Amino acid sequence: MIALAQMADQVLRTADGREKTALSRQFVAQWQAARAKGARPEIGQANPPDRPARPDAPALKSPRDVPRRKPGTPEGRIALLHAVAHIELNAVDLHWDIIARFSHIEMPIGFYDDWTRAADEESKHFNLMCDCLEAMGSHYGALDAHAGMWRAAEDTADDIMGRLAVVPMVLEARGLDVTPGMIKVFKTAKDSNAVAALETIYAEEVSHVAYGSKWFHFLCGRENIDPKDEFHRLVRQYFHGALKPPFNEEKRAEAGIPPDFYWPLSETGAV
């Protein structure tokens, strides 16, 4: 079994989405099998690429150049699933990247247990979305996609606390806000496959946000820093724009993020 950081590097350098996620799940299974035997596998160190390998399609464009489609139409629902698939593929890379890029920082073994588990679930989510797209006569890569998804990783490449603040605690927390509305769209369309897939994603994303909050608070404690003040500072530094309500306060609280973390950063600035 190769070191975990090398596993992460290999996933990041695999372009095809199905191949990337298959390799991701294979490596997580190896890690979890070793951990189940009570072993502490080698973490190692890696020099990951600045950007993960990507297939030739979809074409990555500026957010303003990606056409918006009404979700009430079949084409609009395909576009919505395609966008979620793109988010999930980026999430696979983000979770492996935090392992590879910050492997030089000493962290408890639970840090790696959490992020490998998250990477495994994101891999499953990507494939669920691909299956739904194919059932609708489409596929991942059939439409253009958002080029800005990796920006948060680039901005926080040298700052593990910034990474935790912006990726799981802001971007993935946003998923908790918007996914119920997407589920409603597909319930209205009587697409039970998409509903089941999105409900799986919704249930499992809570833990990913919780991992971010857990390890952010851990590092704040290690440095004797106030978590709320540091979160506000880092989000203002690395996140481009205000946080957008409405917020799913129940699920955010379940993930360990109280309202006084995100409301002061919102468009209204209300506490």
Protein backbone atom coordinates (compact mmCIF):
# COMPACT_ATOMS: atom_id res chain seq x y z
CA MET A 1 0.00 0.00 0.00
CA ILE A 2 1.50 3.34 -1.05
CA ALA A 3 1.50 6.36 1.27
CA LEU A 4 -1.76 8.30 1.49
CA ALA A 5 -0.28 11.50 0.06
CA GLN A 6 0.83 9.56 -3.02
CA MET A 7 -2.68 8.14 -3.36
CA ALA A 8 -4.03 11.68 -3.27
CA ASP A 9 -1.54 12.82 -5.90
CA GLN A 10 -2.50 9.98 -8.24
CA VAL A 11 -6.21 10.83 -7.97
CA LEU A 12 -5.48 14.50 -8.70
CA ARG A 13 -3.51 13.53 -11.82
CA THR A 14 -6.27 11.29 -13.23
CA ALA A 15 -8.34 13.16 -15.83
CA ASP A 16 -11.42 11.06 -16.64
CA GLY A 17 -14.17 11.49 -14.07
CA ARG A 18 -15.24 7.86 -13.89
CA GLU A 19 -11.60 6.71 -13.70
CA LYS A 20 -10.75 9.35 -11.09
CA THR A 21 -13.62 8.35 -8.84
CA ALA A 22 -12.93 4.63 -9.27
CA LEU A 23 -9.32 5.18 -8.21
CA SER A 24 -10.48 7.39 -5.35
CA ARG A 25 -12.81 4.70 -4.02
CA GLN A 26 -10.15 2.00 -4.45
CA PHE A 27 -7.64 3.99 -2.40
CA VAL A 28 -10.19 4.79 0.32
CA ALA A 29 -11.07 1.10 0.59
CA GLN A 30 -7.37 0.29 1.09
CA TRP A 31 -7.04 3.01 3.73
CA GLN A 32 -10.17 1.94 5.60
CA ALA A 33 -9.17 -1.75 5.51
CA ALA A 34 -5.81 -0.91 7.07
CA ARG A 35 -7.43 1.31 9.69
CA ALA A 36 -9.97 -1.40 10.55
CA LYS A 37 -7.03 -3.64 11.48
CA GLY A 38 -5.78 -0.98 13.87
CA ALA A 39 -2.91 0.12 11.62
CA ARG A 40 -1.71 3.67 11.21
CA PRO A 41 -0.79 3.76 7.51
CA GLU A 42 1.94 6.05 6.25
CA ILE A 43 0.79 9.56 5.33
CA GLY A 44 3.92 10.55 3.41
CA GLN A 45 4.25 13.80 1.49
CA ALA A 46 3.39 14.85 -2.04
CA ASN A 47 3.87 17.68 -4.52
CA PRO A 48 0.39 17.83 -6.05
CA PRO A 49 -0.40 19.68 -9.29
CA ASP A 50 -1.63 23.27 -9.02
CA ARG A 51 -4.79 22.13 -10.81
CA PRO A 52 -6.21 18.61 -11.05
CA ALA A 53 -6.25 16.78 -14.36
CA ARG A 54 -9.51 17.22 -16.26
CA PRO A 55 -11.08 15.55 -19.30
CA ASP A 56 -11.33 17.45 -22.61
CA ALA A 57 -15.03 18.01 -21.92
CA PRO A 58 -16.75 19.85 -20.40
CA ALA A 59 -15.32 23.11 -21.63
CA LEU A 60 -14.63 25.33 -18.61
CA LYS A 61 -15.92 28.86 -18.96
CA SER A 62 -16.39 31.97 -16.88
CA PRO A 63 -19.55 31.74 -14.73
CA ARG A 64 -21.17 34.57 -16.71
CA ASP A 65 -20.63 32.60 -19.96
CA VAL A 66 -22.33 29.41 -18.76
CA PRO A 67 -25.96 29.65 -19.98
CA ARG A 68 -28.72 29.42 -17.42
CA ARG A 69 -31.67 27.19 -18.18
CA LYS A 70 -35.05 27.06 -16.52
CA PRO A 71 -35.32 23.97 -14.28
CA GLY A 72 -38.96 23.49 -15.32
CA THR A 73 -37.81 22.02 -18.64
CA PRO A 74 -36.03 18.70 -19.29
CA GLU A 75 -33.08 20.66 -20.68
CA GLY A 76 -32.99 22.76 -17.55
CA ARG A 77 -33.03 19.71 -15.29
CA ILE A 78 -30.18 18.15 -17.29
CA ALA A 79 -28.23 21.38 -16.88
CA LEU A 80 -28.89 21.33 -13.15
CA LEU A 81 -27.67 17.74 -12.78
CA HIS A 82 -24.64 18.52 -14.94
CA ALA A 83 -23.75 21.43 -12.68
CA VAL A 84 -24.05 19.21 -9.59
CA ALA A 85 -21.88 16.53 -11.24
CA HIS A 86 -19.23 19.18 -11.90
CA ILE A 87 -19.38 20.34 -8.29
CA GLU A 88 -19.05 16.78 -7.02
CA LEU A 89 -16.04 16.04 -9.25
CA ASN A 90 -14.33 19.16 -7.95
CA ALA A 91 -15.19 18.09 -4.41
CA VAL A 92 -13.41 14.75 -4.96
CA ASP A 93 -10.27 16.65 -5.93
CA LEU A 94 -10.64 19.20 -3.12
CA HIS A 95 -10.76 16.48 -0.46
CA TRP A 96 -7.76 14.66 -1.87
CA ASP A 97 -5.94 17.95 -2.36
CA ILE A 98 -6.23 18.92 1.32
CA ILE A 99 -4.48 15.62 2.13
CA ALA A 100 -1.73 16.00 -0.47
CA ARG A 101 -1.11 19.75 -0.24
CA PHE A 102 -0.94 19.92 3.54
CA SER A 103 0.69 16.56 4.20
CA HIS A 104 3.67 18.38 5.73
CA ILE A 105 1.46 19.62 8.58
CA GLU A 106 1.20 17.20 11.49
CA MET A 107 -2.43 16.24 12.04
CA PRO A 108 -4.19 13.49 14.02
CA ILE A 109 -5.03 10.30 12.17
CA GLY A 110 -8.71 11.22 12.39
CA PHE A 111 -8.10 14.11 9.99
CA TYR A 112 -7.20 11.61 7.27
CA ASP A 113 -10.02 9.25 8.21
CA ASP A 114 -12.50 12.10 7.75
CA TRP A 115 -11.24 13.44 4.43
CA THR A 116 -10.79 10.04 2.83
CA ARG A 117 -14.36 9.20 3.84
CA ALA A 118 -15.54 12.51 2.37
CA ALA A 119 -13.62 11.85 -0.86
CA ASP A 120 -15.24 8.43 -1.11
CA GLU A 121 -18.73 9.87 -0.68
CA GLU A 122 -18.07 12.66 -3.21
CA SER A 123 -16.88 9.99 -5.65
CA LYS A 124 -20.17 8.17 -5.15
CA HIS A 125 -22.09 11.43 -5.61
CA PHE A 126 -20.38 12.17 -8.93
CA ASN A 127 -21.29 8.74 -10.25
CA LEU A 128 -24.88 9.09 -9.06
CA MET A 129 -25.17 12.34 -11.03
CA CYS A 130 -23.56 10.75 -14.09
CA ASP A 131 -26.04 7.87 -13.89
CA CYS A 132 -28.95 10.33 -13.71
CA LEU A 133 -27.62 12.29 -16.69
CA GLU A 134 -27.23 9.12 -18.75
CA ALA A 135 -30.76 8.04 -17.84
CA MET A 136 -31.93 11.36 -19.32
CA GLY A 137 -29.97 10.83 -22.53
CA SER A 138 -27.04 13.06 -21.63
CA HIS A 139 -23.64 12.70 -19.96
CA TYR A 140 -21.05 14.64 -17.99
CA GLY A 141 -19.18 16.79 -20.48
CA ALA A 142 -22.18 17.41 -22.72
CA LEU A 143 -22.52 21.01 -21.46
CA ASP A 144 -20.10 23.77 -20.56
CA ALA A 145 -19.15 24.08 -16.90
CA HIS A 146 -18.04 26.66 -14.36
CA ALA A 147 -14.30 27.42 -14.53
CA GLY A 148 -14.14 29.05 -11.12
CA MET A 149 -14.64 25.93 -9.02
CA TRP A 150 -10.92 25.49 -8.33
CA ARG A 151 -10.33 29.14 -7.42
CA ALA A 152 -10.83 28.54 -3.69
CA ALA A 153 -8.18 25.82 -3.77
CA GLU A 154 -5.70 28.07 -5.57
CA ASP A 155 -6.37 30.99 -3.22
CA THR A 156 -5.81 28.83 -0.12
CA ALA A 157 -2.96 26.66 -1.42
CA ASP A 158 -0.67 27.87 1.37
CA ASP A 159 -3.24 28.20 4.16
CA ILE A 160 -4.88 25.10 5.60
CA MET A 161 -7.14 27.12 7.88
CA GLY A 162 -8.23 29.26 4.96
CA ARG A 163 -8.96 26.09 3.00
CA LEU A 164 -11.13 24.67 5.78
CA ALA A 165 -12.96 27.96 6.24
CA VAL A 166 -13.77 28.54 2.59
CA VAL A 167 -14.27 25.07 1.09
CA PRO A 168 -16.30 22.98 3.57
CA MET A 169 -17.55 25.79 5.83
CA VAL A 170 -18.66 28.17 3.05
CA LEU A 171 -18.90 26.40 -0.31
CA GLU A 172 -20.15 23.02 0.91
CA ALA A 173 -22.38 24.70 3.48
CA ARG A 174 -23.99 26.52 0.56
CA GLY A 175 -24.93 23.12 -0.81
CA LEU A 176 -26.97 22.51 2.34
CA ASP A 177 -28.88 25.71 1.58
CA VAL A 178 -29.75 24.99 -2.06
CA THR A 179 -30.15 21.22 -2.31
CA PRO A 180 -33.69 21.07 -0.82
CA GLY A 181 -34.86 23.35 -3.64
CA MET A 182 -33.27 21.08 -6.23
CA ILE A 183 -34.94 18.04 -4.69
CA LYS A 184 -38.28 19.83 -5.00
CA VAL A 185 -37.65 20.47 -8.72
CA PHE A 186 -37.16 16.77 -9.42
CA LYS A 187 -40.06 15.72 -7.21
CA THR A 188 -42.30 18.00 -9.27
CA ALA A 189 -40.92 16.35 -12.42
CA LYS A 190 -41.54 12.90 -10.88
CA ASP A 191 -37.90 11.90 -11.46
CA SER A 192 -37.48 9.44 -8.60
CA ASN A 193 -33.90 8.52 -9.56
CA ALA A 194 -32.69 12.10 -9.35
CA VAL A 195 -34.64 12.67 -6.12
CA ALA A 196 -33.02 9.63 -4.49
CA ALA A 197 -29.54 10.68 -5.65
CA LEU A 198 -29.94 14.26 -4.43
CA GLU A 199 -31.36 13.09 -1.10
CA THR A 200 -28.28 10.89 -0.64
CA ILE A 201 -26.02 13.85 -1.40
CA TYR A 202 -27.96 16.11 0.96
CA ALA A 203 -27.74 13.62 3.84
CA GLU A 204 -24.02 12.99 3.43
CA GLU A 205 -22.88 16.56 2.77
CA VAL A 206 -23.69 17.53 6.36
CA SER A 207 -20.78 15.44 7.59
CA HIS A 208 -18.39 17.07 5.11
CA VAL A 209 -19.26 20.52 6.42
CA ALA A 210 -18.90 19.12 9.93
CA TYR A 211 -15.40 17.85 9.17
CA GLY A 212 -14.43 21.34 8.08
CA SER A 213 -15.79 22.89 11.26
CA LYS A 214 -14.22 20.18 13.44
CA TRP A 215 -10.70 20.58 12.06
CA PHE A 216 -10.94 24.34 11.79
CA HIS A 217 -11.76 24.50 15.50
CA PHE A 218 -8.97 22.01 16.22
CA LEU A 219 -6.40 24.21 14.50
CA CYS A 220 -7.75 27.35 16.19
CA GLY A 221 -7.34 25.59 19.53
CA ARG A 222 -3.81 24.54 18.63
CA GLU A 223 -2.94 28.18 17.86
CA ASN A 224 -5.05 29.64 20.68
CA ILE A 225 -7.13 31.66 18.20
CA ASP A 226 -10.80 32.65 18.56
CA PRO A 227 -12.59 30.50 15.92
CA LYS A 228 -15.36 32.93 15.06
CA ASP A 229 -13.06 35.92 14.58
CA GLU A 230 -10.61 33.84 12.56
CA PHE A 231 -13.37 32.44 10.38
CA HIS A 232 -14.62 35.94 9.62
CA ARG A 233 -11.08 37.13 8.82
CA LEU A 234 -10.30 34.22 6.51
CA VAL A 235 -13.60 34.28 4.64
CA ARG A 236 -13.22 38.03 4.02
CA GLN A 237 -9.69 37.37 2.77
CA TYR A 238 -10.36 34.41 0.50
CA PHE A 239 -14.04 34.34 -0.44
CA HIS A 240 -15.02 36.71 -3.23
CA GLY A 241 -18.31 38.29 -2.22
CA ALA A 242 -20.87 38.16 0.55
CA LEU A 243 -22.59 34.96 1.71
CA LYS A 244 -26.10 34.66 0.29
CA PRO A 245 -29.14 33.87 2.41
CA PRO A 246 -31.47 32.11 2.90
CA PHE A 247 -29.38 29.82 5.07
CA ASN A 248 -30.31 26.30 6.13
CA GLU A 249 -29.76 27.08 9.79
CA GLU A 250 -30.86 23.65 11.01
CA LYS A 251 -28.39 21.69 8.85
CA ARG A 252 -25.62 24.24 9.39
CA ALA A 253 -26.08 23.87 13.16
CA GLU A 254 -26.04 20.09 12.77
CA ALA A 255 -22.66 20.52 11.03
CA GLY A 256 -21.32 22.66 13.87
CA ILE A 257 -21.63 26.13 12.30
CA PRO A 258 -23.71 28.55 14.40
CA PRO A 259 -25.49 31.58 12.89
CA ASP A 260 -23.03 34.12 14.30
CA PHE A 261 -20.36 32.60 12.04
CA TYR A 262 -22.13 33.27 8.74
CA TRP A 263 -24.79 35.96 9.21
CA PRO A 264 -22.22 38.77 9.75
CA LEU A 265 -20.69 37.79 6.39
CA SER A 266 -23.99 37.84 4.55
CA GLU A 267 -25.38 40.44 2.15
CA THR A 268 -27.44 41.93 4.99
CA GLY A 269 -24.74 41.64 7.65
CA ALA A 270 -27.43 40.85 10.24
CA VAL A 271 -26.49 38.91 13.37
